[in-house]
Structures are given as structure tokens and as C-alpha cells.
């Protein structure tokens, strides 16, 4: 998983704190990157940060953590009913 953020982004910090609180088991799998480190990321997500992307590059949540959307994605990935 990839979490795109920016330094000194309060919304990004809140997103990360909520993600760690609601899904602590995901944290070892989450790579945190500066959205400005890549021109492609900046073009696609620069105005949408923070953005949590799944392994396949799909957007799982952006702006404010959508706990239900992330839970649905996790359930779908495990084969459980959504």
C-alpha cells in the first residue's frame, strides 16, 4: 500500500494517525511517500492528498480517511463477503 502525503500537511498527519488507530495491522505494509517526489504522482494526486493506494494502484481513500471504504477493500481482498 502507498500513502501519498506532503511534509507539514496537517490533513495528512490526521489521516495517518486515524489509519494507524483504525487499522494498526496495515501500518507495516504502508509505504509513505511525498506526492511531489514523482511528476506522475503530483499530476494525478497533488491536489487530492492524502491518498491511500492499494497494491494495484487503486485509490482506497483520499482527503479524509474513509474507514468503511478501506474495510470493504480489505474484506474484498480476503475473499470475505462485502
N, C-alpha and C. Protein backbone atom coordinates (compact mmCIF):
# COMPACT_ATOMS: atom_id res chain seq x y z
N UNK A 1 0.84 -1.17 0.00
CA UNK A 1 0.00 0.00 0.00
C UNK A 1 0.89 1.23 0.00
N UNK A 2 0.35 2.30 -0.55
CA UNK A 2 1.10 3.54 -0.66
C UNK A 2 0.24 4.68 -0.15
N UNK A 3 0.80 5.47 0.75
CA UNK A 3 0.13 6.67 1.24
C UNK A 3 0.91 7.87 0.74
N UNK A 4 0.28 8.65 -0.12
CA UNK A 4 0.92 9.85 -0.66
C UNK A 4 0.56 11.05 0.21
N UNK A 5 1.57 11.77 0.65
CA UNK A 5 1.40 12.89 1.55
C UNK A 5 2.31 14.03 1.12
N UNK A 6 2.37 15.07 1.94
CA UNK A 6 3.33 16.16 1.80
C UNK A 6 3.84 16.51 3.19
N UNK A 7 5.08 16.98 3.25
CA UNK A 7 5.59 17.45 4.55
C UNK A 7 4.73 18.60 5.07
N UNK A 8 4.57 18.65 6.37
CA UNK A 8 3.82 19.72 7.03
C UNK A 8 2.37 19.81 6.60
N UNK A 9 1.79 18.69 6.22
CA UNK A 9 0.38 18.63 5.82
C UNK A 9 -0.42 18.11 7.01
N UNK A 10 -1.15 18.99 7.66
CA UNK A 10 -1.94 18.61 8.82
C UNK A 10 -2.97 17.54 8.51
N UNK A 11 -3.63 17.66 7.37
CA UNK A 11 -4.62 16.66 6.98
C UNK A 11 -3.96 15.30 6.78
N UNK A 12 -2.75 15.31 6.21
CA UNK A 12 -2.00 14.06 6.01
C UNK A 12 -1.66 13.42 7.35
N UNK A 13 -1.24 14.24 8.30
CA UNK A 13 -0.90 13.73 9.63
C UNK A 13 -2.11 13.13 10.31
N UNK A 14 -3.27 13.79 10.20
CA UNK A 14 -4.51 13.26 10.78
C UNK A 14 -4.89 11.94 10.12
N UNK A 15 -4.78 11.89 8.80
CA UNK A 15 -5.10 10.67 8.05
C UNK A 15 -4.26 9.51 8.54
N UNK A 16 -2.95 9.75 8.67
CA UNK A 16 -2.03 8.71 9.11
C UNK A 16 -2.34 8.26 10.53
N UNK A 17 -2.64 9.19 11.42
CA UNK A 17 -2.99 8.84 12.80
C UNK A 17 -4.25 7.99 12.84
N UNK A 18 -5.27 8.37 12.06
CA UNK A 18 -6.51 7.61 12.03
C UNK A 18 -6.29 6.23 11.42
N UNK A 19 -5.48 6.17 10.36
CA UNK A 19 -5.19 4.88 9.75
C UNK A 19 -4.50 3.96 10.74
N UNK A 20 -3.53 4.49 11.47
CA UNK A 20 -2.81 3.70 12.47
C UNK A 20 -3.73 3.26 13.60
N UNK A 21 -4.67 4.10 13.95
CA UNK A 21 -5.61 3.77 15.03
C UNK A 21 -6.62 2.71 14.60
N UNK A 22 -7.21 2.91 13.41
CA UNK A 22 -8.28 2.03 12.95
C UNK A 22 -7.79 0.75 12.29
N UNK A 23 -6.58 0.79 11.71
CA UNK A 23 -6.04 -0.37 11.01
C UNK A 23 -4.56 -0.56 11.37
N UNK A 24 -4.25 -0.77 12.64
CA UNK A 24 -2.84 -0.86 13.04
C UNK A 24 -2.08 -1.99 12.33
N UNK A 25 -2.77 -3.05 11.99
CA UNK A 25 -2.13 -4.19 11.32
C UNK A 25 -1.67 -3.85 9.90
N UNK A 26 -2.18 -2.76 9.33
CA UNK A 26 -1.77 -2.35 7.99
C UNK A 26 -0.47 -1.55 7.99
N UNK A 27 -0.15 -0.94 9.10
CA UNK A 27 0.96 0.02 9.13
C UNK A 27 2.29 -0.55 8.63
N UNK A 28 2.64 -1.79 8.94
CA UNK A 28 3.90 -2.32 8.39
C UNK A 28 3.90 -2.43 6.87
N UNK A 29 2.70 -2.46 6.27
CA UNK A 29 2.59 -2.61 4.82
C UNK A 29 2.44 -1.28 4.10
N UNK A 30 2.28 -0.20 4.83
CA UNK A 30 2.04 1.12 4.22
C UNK A 30 3.37 1.84 4.00
N UNK A 31 3.62 2.15 2.75
CA UNK A 31 4.79 2.95 2.38
C UNK A 31 4.32 4.39 2.26
N UNK A 32 4.98 5.30 2.96
CA UNK A 32 4.59 6.71 2.94
C UNK A 32 5.57 7.47 2.05
N UNK A 33 5.02 8.18 1.07
CA UNK A 33 5.85 8.91 0.11
C UNK A 33 5.32 10.33 -0.08
N UNK A 34 6.24 11.22 -0.41
CA UNK A 34 5.89 12.60 -0.74
C UNK A 34 5.32 12.61 -2.16
N UNK A 35 4.13 13.11 -2.32
CA UNK A 35 3.47 13.14 -3.62
C UNK A 35 4.29 13.93 -4.65
N UNK A 36 5.11 14.87 -4.18
CA UNK A 36 5.91 15.69 -5.09
C UNK A 36 7.19 14.99 -5.56
N UNK A 37 7.46 13.79 -5.07
CA UNK A 37 8.66 13.05 -5.46
C UNK A 37 8.56 12.50 -6.88
N UNK A 38 7.38 12.46 -7.42
CA UNK A 38 7.16 11.93 -8.76
C UNK A 38 6.24 12.88 -9.53
N UNK A 39 6.62 13.21 -10.76
CA UNK A 39 5.76 14.07 -11.58
C UNK A 39 4.40 13.42 -11.82
N UNK A 40 4.40 12.11 -12.01
CA UNK A 40 3.14 11.40 -12.23
C UNK A 40 2.24 11.50 -11.01
N UNK A 41 2.80 11.24 -9.83
CA UNK A 41 2.00 11.35 -8.60
C UNK A 41 1.47 12.76 -8.43
N UNK A 42 2.35 13.74 -8.63
CA UNK A 42 1.95 15.13 -8.44
C UNK A 42 0.80 15.50 -9.39
N UNK A 43 0.90 15.05 -10.65
CA UNK A 43 -0.14 15.35 -11.63
C UNK A 43 -1.46 14.68 -11.28
N UNK A 44 -1.39 13.42 -10.86
CA UNK A 44 -2.61 12.65 -10.57
C UNK A 44 -3.23 12.98 -9.21
N UNK A 45 -2.38 13.17 -8.19
CA UNK A 45 -2.89 13.24 -6.83
C UNK A 45 -2.50 14.50 -6.06
N UNK A 46 -1.75 15.39 -6.67
CA UNK A 46 -1.20 16.54 -5.97
C UNK A 46 -2.22 17.39 -5.24
N UNK A 47 -3.42 17.48 -5.76
CA UNK A 47 -4.46 18.29 -5.12
C UNK A 47 -5.45 17.44 -4.32
N UNK A 48 -5.16 16.15 -4.23
CA UNK A 48 -6.09 15.22 -3.57
C UNK A 48 -5.51 14.61 -2.30
N UNK A 49 -4.32 14.99 -1.90
CA UNK A 49 -3.66 14.33 -0.78
C UNK A 49 -4.38 14.59 0.54
N UNK A 50 -4.21 13.69 1.47
CA UNK A 50 -3.55 12.40 1.38
C UNK A 50 -4.35 11.41 0.54
N UNK A 51 -3.63 10.51 -0.09
CA UNK A 51 -4.27 9.48 -0.91
C UNK A 51 -3.66 8.14 -0.54
N UNK A 52 -4.53 7.19 -0.20
CA UNK A 52 -4.11 5.83 0.10
C UNK A 52 -4.41 4.96 -1.12
N UNK A 53 -3.35 4.35 -1.65
CA UNK A 53 -3.47 3.50 -2.83
C UNK A 53 -3.25 2.04 -2.45
N UNK A 54 -4.04 1.18 -3.04
CA UNK A 54 -3.85 -0.25 -2.85
C UNK A 54 -2.66 -0.74 -3.64
N UNK A 55 -2.31 -2.00 -3.47
CA UNK A 55 -1.17 -2.60 -4.17
C UNK A 55 -1.31 -2.49 -5.68
N UNK A 56 -2.53 -2.50 -6.18
CA UNK A 56 -2.76 -2.43 -7.62
C UNK A 56 -2.88 -0.99 -8.13
N UNK A 57 -2.68 -0.01 -7.24
CA UNK A 57 -2.73 1.40 -7.63
C UNK A 57 -4.10 2.04 -7.55
N UNK A 58 -5.10 1.28 -7.11
CA UNK A 58 -6.43 1.87 -6.99
C UNK A 58 -6.50 2.74 -5.73
N UNK A 59 -7.30 3.79 -5.82
CA UNK A 59 -7.48 4.70 -4.68
C UNK A 59 -8.42 4.03 -3.68
N UNK A 60 -7.92 3.86 -2.47
CA UNK A 60 -8.73 3.30 -1.39
C UNK A 60 -9.41 4.40 -0.60
N UNK A 61 -8.75 5.51 -0.42
CA UNK A 61 -9.30 6.62 0.34
C UNK A 61 -8.47 7.86 0.05
N UNK A 62 -9.11 9.02 0.09
CA UNK A 62 -8.37 10.26 -0.13
C UNK A 62 -9.00 11.39 0.69
N UNK A 63 -8.16 12.36 1.01
CA UNK A 63 -8.64 13.51 1.79
C UNK A 63 -8.79 13.16 3.25
N UNK A 64 -9.93 12.63 3.59
CA UNK A 64 -10.23 12.18 4.95
C UNK A 64 -10.37 10.66 4.90
N UNK A 65 -9.78 9.97 5.87
CA UNK A 65 -9.84 8.51 5.87
C UNK A 65 -11.28 8.02 5.87
N UNK A 66 -11.62 7.22 4.87
CA UNK A 66 -12.93 6.59 4.77
C UNK A 66 -12.77 5.17 5.32
N UNK A 67 -13.03 5.03 6.61
CA UNK A 67 -12.82 3.75 7.30
C UNK A 67 -13.65 2.64 6.65
N UNK A 68 -14.89 2.94 6.29
CA UNK A 68 -15.75 1.92 5.69
C UNK A 68 -15.21 1.47 4.34
N UNK A 69 -14.73 2.41 3.53
CA UNK A 69 -14.20 2.05 2.21
C UNK A 69 -12.96 1.18 2.34
N UNK A 70 -12.07 1.51 3.27
CA UNK A 70 -10.87 0.70 3.47
C UNK A 70 -11.26 -0.68 3.98
N UNK A 71 -12.19 -0.75 4.91
CA UNK A 71 -12.64 -2.05 5.43
C UNK A 71 -13.25 -2.90 4.31
N UNK A 72 -14.03 -2.28 3.43
CA UNK A 72 -14.61 -3.03 2.30
C UNK A 72 -13.52 -3.58 1.39
N UNK A 73 -12.51 -2.76 1.12
CA UNK A 73 -11.40 -3.21 0.27
C UNK A 73 -10.66 -4.38 0.92
N UNK A 74 -10.45 -4.28 2.21
CA UNK A 74 -9.77 -5.36 2.93
C UNK A 74 -10.60 -6.63 2.90
N UNK A 75 -11.91 -6.50 3.13
CA UNK A 75 -12.80 -7.66 3.09
C UNK A 75 -12.80 -8.29 1.70
N UNK A 76 -12.84 -7.47 0.66
CA UNK A 76 -12.85 -7.98 -0.71
C UNK A 76 -11.54 -8.72 -1.01
N UNK A 77 -10.44 -8.21 -0.50
CA UNK A 77 -9.14 -8.84 -0.75
C UNK A 77 -8.97 -10.16 -0.03
N UNK A 78 -9.71 -10.32 1.09
CA UNK A 78 -9.57 -11.57 1.86
C UNK A 78 -10.55 -12.63 1.40
N UNK A 79 -11.44 -12.25 0.46
CA UNK A 79 -12.42 -13.21 -0.01
C UNK A 79 -13.68 -13.23 0.84
N UNK A 80 -13.74 -12.39 1.86
CA UNK A 80 -14.93 -12.33 2.70
C UNK A 80 -16.03 -11.57 1.96
N UNK A 81 -17.24 -11.80 2.37
CA UNK A 81 -18.37 -11.10 1.76
C UNK A 81 -18.28 -9.63 2.08
N UNK A 82 -18.67 -8.83 1.09
CA UNK A 82 -18.63 -7.37 1.27
C UNK A 82 -19.97 -6.88 1.71
